[in-house]
Amino acid sequence: MYLSPDKSWKRALARIPKLLSELEERGVLPETAPYFWQHDFNLYIEFERLGIDSLSCIPSTEKHPPGYYVMQASWGGIVPELERVVASACELMSSPNMSKLRKQLAAAETDERHAFLIYGWEYVEAVPLSHEGPLPSDPPELPEGIDGVWLSTTASRSPAIAWIPKRGWIRASPMA
């Protein structure tokens, strides 16, 4: 399930466990999950009211049964240049949402304090980070208390780029 970023998720998250049971009772399968609304318009209306943007199902594997996952819906957009990804990451680290991270790093008794940001595929920033291209040319504008930054994606073969104060920008190998 993808939750719309402009809705309050509290009601949706409280209702989702029961919704998932209802979907299973209706026989929604991994291959039919995106099309459930064709068979149950009332459920579609409820999803819409709760801000559930779409539905996907993870097929079963040898070790796990099939299941659903809940994520924020992708907002889409133009793929930014790598320099814009770095600027966006610095803006995020400077935001009130990251005050806890900045406090934790400031309290660390170490010579350097690095932040790690890993982008999922629902973020357009993941696209330029997933390719081996030229590294950024300018140092990042990191907030006070953060000396270095590592940027990567959730893809297992995605390289990371990092700003290390004494070395500048480097590319780290994927952890595959």
C-alpha atoms as a PDB file:
ATOM      1  CA  MET A   1       0.000   0.000   0.000  1.00  0.00           C
ATOM      2  CA  TYR A   2       1.245   3.443  -0.828  1.00  0.00           C
ATOM      3  CA  LEU A   3      -0.043   6.223   1.409  1.00  0.00           C
ATOM      4  CA  SER A   4      -0.654   9.665  -0.024  1.00  0.00           C
ATOM      5  CA  PRO A   5       1.785  12.194   1.474  1.00  0.00           C
ATOM      6  CA  ASP A   6      -0.920  14.856   1.822  1.00  0.00           C
ATOM      7  CA  LYS A   7      -3.252  12.798   4.067  1.00  0.00           C
ATOM      8  CA  SER A   8      -3.142  12.089   7.788  1.00  0.00           C
ATOM      9  CA  TRP A   9      -1.908   8.525   8.123  1.00  0.00           C
ATOM     10  CA  LYS A  10      -3.198   7.928  11.647  1.00  0.00           C
ATOM     11  CA  ARG A  11      -6.625   6.685  10.507  1.00  0.00           C
ATOM     12  CA  ALA A  12      -5.167   4.654   7.654  1.00  0.00           C
ATOM     13  CA  LEU A  13      -2.566   2.939   9.834  1.00  0.00           C
ATOM     14  CA  ALA A  14      -5.247   2.016  12.391  1.00  0.00           C
ATOM     15  CA  ARG A  15      -7.447   0.492   9.656  1.00  0.00           C
ATOM     16  CA  ILE A  16      -4.781  -1.233   7.523  1.00  0.00           C
ATOM     17  CA  PRO A  17      -4.497  -4.539   9.486  1.00  0.00           C
ATOM     18  CA  LYS A  18      -8.227  -5.181   9.023  1.00  0.00           C
ATOM     19  CA  LEU A  19      -8.076  -4.080   5.376  1.00  0.00           C
ATOM     20  CA  LEU A  20      -5.285  -6.564   4.716  1.00  0.00           C
ATOM     21  CA  SER A  21      -7.374  -9.357   6.264  1.00  0.00           C
ATOM     22  CA  GLU A  22     -10.315  -8.357   4.077  1.00  0.00           C
ATOM     23  CA  LEU A  23      -8.130  -8.425   0.965  1.00  0.00           C
ATOM     24  CA  GLU A  24      -6.854 -11.896   1.837  1.00  0.00           C
ATOM     25  CA  GLU A  25     -10.440 -13.094   2.455  1.00  0.00           C
ATOM     26  CA  ARG A  26     -11.383 -11.796  -1.004  1.00  0.00           C
ATOM     27  CA  GLY A  27      -8.529 -13.803  -2.524  1.00  0.00           C
ATOM     28  CA  VAL A  28      -6.403 -10.882  -3.678  1.00  0.00           C
ATOM     29  CA  LEU A  29      -3.183 -12.381  -5.068  1.00  0.00           C
ATOM     30  CA  PRO A  30       0.158 -10.717  -5.846  1.00  0.00           C
ATOM     31  CA  GLU A  31      -0.726 -10.551  -9.530  1.00  0.00           C
ATOM     32  CA  THR A  32      -4.219  -9.122  -8.912  1.00  0.00           C
ATOM     33  CA  ALA A  33      -3.470  -6.747  -6.011  1.00  0.00           C
ATOM     34  CA  PRO A  34      -3.058  -3.631  -8.212  1.00  0.00           C
ATOM     35  CA  TYR A  35      -6.488  -4.309  -9.780  1.00  0.00           C
ATOM     36  CA  PHE A  36      -8.554  -5.101  -6.653  1.00  0.00           C
ATOM     37  CA  TRP A  37     -10.672  -1.989  -7.222  1.00  0.00           C
ATOM     38  CA  GLN A  38     -12.187  -3.512 -10.373  1.00  0.00           C
ATOM     39  CA  HIS A  39     -13.921  -6.090  -8.169  1.00  0.00           C
ATOM     40  CA  ASP A  40     -14.773  -4.033  -5.089  1.00  0.00           C
ATOM     41  CA  PHE A  41     -15.603  -0.397  -5.708  1.00  0.00           C
ATOM     42  CA  ASN A  42     -16.608   0.238  -2.068  1.00  0.00           C
ATOM     43  CA  LEU A  43     -13.186  -0.873  -0.884  1.00  0.00           C
ATOM     44  CA  TYR A  44     -11.632   1.418  -3.492  1.00  0.00           C
ATOM     45  CA  ILE A  45     -13.659   4.359  -2.090  1.00  0.00           C
ATOM     46  CA  GLU A  46     -12.452   3.518   1.421  1.00  0.00           C
ATOM     47  CA  PHE A  47      -8.828   3.363   0.229  1.00  0.00           C
ATOM     48  CA  GLU A  48      -9.310   6.755  -1.423  1.00  0.00           C
ATOM     49  CA  ARG A  49     -10.819   8.248   1.762  1.00  0.00           C
ATOM     50  CA  LEU A  50      -7.915   6.924   3.865  1.00  0.00           C
ATOM     51  CA  GLY A  51      -5.299   8.235   1.425  1.00  0.00           C
ATOM     52  CA  ILE A  52      -4.130   4.805   0.259  1.00  0.00           C
ATOM     53  CA  ASP A  53      -2.810   5.565  -3.195  1.00  0.00           C
ATOM     54  CA  SER A  54      -2.240   2.047  -4.539  1.00  0.00           C
ATOM     55  CA  LEU A  55      -1.754  -1.554  -3.512  1.00  0.00           C
ATOM     56  CA  SER A  56       0.983  -4.068  -4.243  1.00  0.00           C
ATOM     57  CA  CYS A  57       1.559  -7.530  -2.888  1.00  0.00           C
ATOM     58  CA  ILE A  58       4.858  -9.291  -2.346  1.00  0.00           C
ATOM     59  CA  PRO A  59       4.724 -12.830  -3.752  1.00  0.00           C
ATOM     60  CA  SER A  60       5.656 -15.738  -1.532  1.00  0.00           C
ATOM     61  CA  THR A  61       9.204 -17.042  -1.438  1.00  0.00           C
ATOM     62  CA  GLU A  62      10.658 -20.275  -0.137  1.00  0.00           C
ATOM     63  CA  LYS A  63      10.976 -18.766   3.359  1.00  0.00           C
ATOM     64  CA  HIS A  64       8.176 -16.172   3.521  1.00  0.00           C
ATOM     65  CA  PRO A  65       4.440 -16.154   2.789  1.00  0.00           C
ATOM     66  CA  PRO A  66       3.020 -13.485   0.466  1.00  0.00           C
ATOM     67  CA  GLY A  67       2.381 -10.134   2.061  1.00  0.00           C
ATOM     68  CA  TYR A  68       1.795  -6.429   1.671  1.00  0.00           C
ATOM     69  CA  TYR A  69       3.985  -3.469   2.455  1.00  0.00           C
ATOM     70  CA  VAL A  70       3.049   0.079   3.442  1.00  0.00           C
ATOM     71  CA  MET A  71       4.981   3.040   2.024  1.00  0.00           C
ATOM     72  CA  GLN A  72       4.502   6.700   1.227  1.00  0.00           C
ATOM     73  CA  ALA A  73       3.331   7.183  -2.337  1.00  0.00           C
ATOM     74  CA  SER A  74       5.911   8.424  -4.776  1.00  0.00           C
ATOM     75  CA  TRP A  75       5.396  12.019  -5.748  1.00  0.00           C
ATOM     76  CA  GLY A  76       7.361  11.711  -8.972  1.00  0.00           C
ATOM     77  CA  GLY A  77       9.185  14.528 -10.653  1.00  0.00           C
ATOM     78  CA  ILE A  78      12.165  15.403 -12.774  1.00  0.00           C
ATOM     79  CA  VAL A  79      15.324  13.463 -11.988  1.00  0.00           C
ATOM     80  CA  PRO A  80      17.725  15.945 -10.390  1.00  0.00           C
ATOM     81  CA  GLU A  81      21.386  16.325 -11.241  1.00  0.00           C
ATOM     82  CA  LEU A  82      23.770  14.871  -8.671  1.00  0.00           C
ATOM     83  CA  GLU A  83      24.687  18.338  -7.360  1.00  0.00           C
ATOM     84  CA  ARG A  84      20.981  18.976  -6.654  1.00  0.00           C
ATOM     85  CA  VAL A  85      20.741  15.615  -4.841  1.00  0.00           C
ATOM     86  CA  VAL A  86      23.619  16.698  -2.580  1.00  0.00           C
ATOM     87  CA  ALA A  87      22.006  20.097  -1.957  1.00  0.00           C
ATOM     88  CA  SER A  88      18.680  18.397  -1.187  1.00  0.00           C
ATOM     89  CA  ALA A  89      20.387  16.014   1.264  1.00  0.00           C
ATOM     90  CA  CYS A  90      22.053  18.965   3.015  1.00  0.00           C
ATOM     91  CA  GLU A  91      18.706  20.779   3.226  1.00  0.00           C
ATOM     92  CA  LEU A  92      17.134  17.649   4.710  1.00  0.00           C
ATOM     93  CA  MET A  93      19.902  17.297   7.315  1.00  0.00           C
ATOM     94  CA  SER A  94      19.436  20.985   8.242  1.00  0.00           C
ATOM     95  CA  SER A  95      15.654  20.624   8.609  1.00  0.00           C
ATOM     96  CA  PRO A  96      13.794  20.384  11.928  1.00  0.00           C
ATOM     97  CA  ASN A  97      13.027  16.730  11.067  1.00  0.00           C
ATOM     98  CA  MET A  98      16.703  15.918  11.497  1.00  0.00           C
ATOM     99  CA  SER A  99      17.305  17.734  14.788  1.00  0.00           C
ATOM    100  CA  LYS A 100      17.611  14.393  16.614  1.00  0.00           C
ATOM    101  CA  LEU A 101      20.301  13.236  14.178  1.00  0.00           C
ATOM    102  CA  ARG A 102      22.243  16.474  14.617  1.00  0.00           C
ATOM    103  CA  LYS A 103      22.020  16.208  18.425  1.00  0.00           C
ATOM    104  CA  GLN A 104      23.176  12.569  18.374  1.00  0.00           C
ATOM    105  CA  LEU A 105      26.129  13.395  16.148  1.00  0.00           C
ATOM    106  CA  ALA A 106      27.042  16.455  18.225  1.00  0.00           C
ATOM    107  CA  ALA A 107      27.078  14.294  21.367  1.00  0.00           C
ATOM    108  CA  ALA A 108      29.372  11.689  19.790  1.00  0.00           C
ATOM    109  CA  GLU A 109      32.895  11.793  21.153  1.00  0.00           C
ATOM    110  CA  THR A 110      34.765  11.351  17.894  1.00  0.00           C
ATOM    111  CA  ASP A 111      36.928  13.295  15.468  1.00  0.00           C
ATOM    112  CA  GLU A 112      34.422  13.158  12.586  1.00  0.00           C
ATOM    113  CA  ARG A 113      30.635  12.891  12.493  1.00  0.00           C
ATOM    114  CA  HIS A 114      29.124  11.391   9.345  1.00  0.00           C
ATOM    115  CA  ALA A 115      25.454  11.188   8.371  1.00  0.00           C
ATOM    116  CA  PHE A 116      24.170   8.361   6.172  1.00  0.00           C
ATOM    117  CA  LEU A 117      21.170   8.935   3.885  1.00  0.00           C
ATOM    118  CA  ILE A 118      19.781   5.998   1.950  1.00  0.00           C
ATOM    119  CA  TYR A 119      17.121   6.811  -0.628  1.00  0.00           C
ATOM    120  CA  GLY A 120      14.379   4.359  -1.590  1.00  0.00           C
ATOM    121  CA  TRP A 121      13.137   4.168  -5.154  1.00  0.00           C
ATOM    122  CA  GLU A 122      10.103   6.268  -4.288  1.00  0.00           C
ATOM    123  CA  TYR A 123      12.476   9.258  -4.273  1.00  0.00           C
ATOM    124  CA  VAL A 124      13.789  10.693  -7.541  1.00  0.00           C
ATOM    125  CA  GLU A 125      17.117  11.379  -5.792  1.00  0.00           C
ATOM    126  CA  ALA A 126      17.787   7.630  -5.970  1.00  0.00           C
ATOM    127  CA  VAL A 127      18.176   7.687  -9.761  1.00  0.00           C
ATOM    128  CA  PRO A 128      21.425   9.676 -10.085  1.00  0.00           C
ATOM    129  CA  LEU A 129      22.838   7.936  -7.003  1.00  0.00           C
ATOM    130  CA  SER A 130      22.335   4.520  -8.609  1.00  0.00           C
ATOM    131  CA  HIS A 131      24.680   5.208 -11.535  1.00  0.00           C
ATOM    132  CA  GLU A 132      28.419   5.528 -11.589  1.00  0.00           C
ATOM    133  CA  GLY A 133      28.930   8.963 -13.053  1.00  0.00           C
ATOM    134  CA  PRO A 134      31.157  11.865 -12.169  1.00  0.00           C
ATOM    135  CA  LEU A 135      31.320  12.810  -8.510  1.00  0.00           C
ATOM    136  CA  PRO A 136      30.059  16.218  -7.364  1.00  0.00           C
ATOM    137  CA  SER A 137      32.586  18.974  -7.861  1.00  0.00           C
ATOM    138  CA  ASP A 138      31.809  21.155  -4.831  1.00  0.00           C
ATOM    139  CA  PRO A 139      31.873  20.311  -1.119  1.00  0.00           C
ATOM    140  CA  PRO A 140      28.444  19.917   0.518  1.00  0.00           C
ATOM    141  CA  GLU A 141      27.012  22.647   2.736  1.00  0.00           C
ATOM    142  CA  LEU A 142      26.607  20.457   5.811  1.00  0.00           C
ATOM    143  CA  PRO A 143      24.867  21.705   8.942  1.00  0.00           C
ATOM    144  CA  GLU A 144      26.896  22.391  12.064  1.00  0.00           C
ATOM    145  CA  GLY A 145      27.940  19.182  13.811  1.00  0.00           C
ATOM    146  CA  ILE A 146      28.018  17.023  10.662  1.00  0.00           C
ATOM    147  CA  ASP A 147      31.444  16.644   9.060  1.00  0.00           C
ATOM    148  CA  GLY A 148      30.760  14.029   6.394  1.00  0.00           C
ATOM    149  CA  VAL A 149      27.864  12.571   4.456  1.00  0.00           C
ATOM    150  CA  TRP A 150      27.261   9.248   2.716  1.00  0.00           C
ATOM    151  CA  LEU A 151      24.529   8.991   0.076  1.00  0.00           C
ATOM    152  CA  SER A 152      23.201   5.802  -1.508  1.00  0.00           C
ATOM    153  CA  THR A 153      20.034   3.928  -2.468  1.00  0.00           C
ATOM    154  CA  THR A 154      18.284   0.802  -1.244  1.00  0.00           C
ATOM    155  CA  ALA A 155      19.415  -1.113  -4.342  1.00  0.00           C
ATOM    156  CA  SER A 156      21.901  -3.820  -3.394  1.00  0.00           C
ATOM    157  CA  ARG A 157      24.295  -2.980  -6.241  1.00  0.00           C
ATOM    158  CA  SER A 158      24.063   0.783  -5.849  1.00  0.00           C
ATOM    159  CA  PRO A 159      27.358   2.506  -5.074  1.00  0.00           C
ATOM    160  CA  ALA A 160      27.557   5.128  -2.357  1.00  0.00           C
ATOM    161  CA  ILE A 161      29.142   8.516  -2.692  1.00  0.00           C
ATOM    162  CA  ALA A 162      30.651  10.143   0.353  1.00  0.00           C
ATOM    163  CA  TRP A 163      32.119  13.468   1.388  1.00  0.00           C
ATOM    164  CA  ILE A 164      35.052  12.772   3.693  1.00  0.00           C
ATOM    165  CA  PRO A 165      36.554  15.973   5.135  1.00  0.00           C
ATOM    166  CA  LYS A 166      40.203  15.037   4.467  1.00  0.00           C
ATOM    167  CA  ARG A 167      39.571  13.292   1.125  1.00  0.00           C
ATOM    168  CA  GLY A 168      36.690  15.132  -0.538  1.00  0.00           C
ATOM    169  CA  TRP A 169      34.168  13.202  -2.605  1.00  0.00           C
ATOM    170  CA  ILE A 170      34.765   9.461  -2.996  1.00  0.00           C
ATOM    171  CA  ARG A 171      32.794   6.583  -4.455  1.00  0.00           C
ATOM    172  CA  ALA A 172      32.355   3.527  -2.247  1.00  0.00           C
ATOM    173  CA  SER A 173      31.741   0.088  -3.694  1.00  0.00           C
ATOM    174  CA  PRO A 174      28.272  -1.473  -3.387  1.00  0.00           C
ATOM    175  CA  MET A 175      27.848  -3.860  -0.476  1.00  0.00           C
ATOM    176  CA  ALA A 176      26.843  -6.823  -2.633  1.00  0.00           C
END
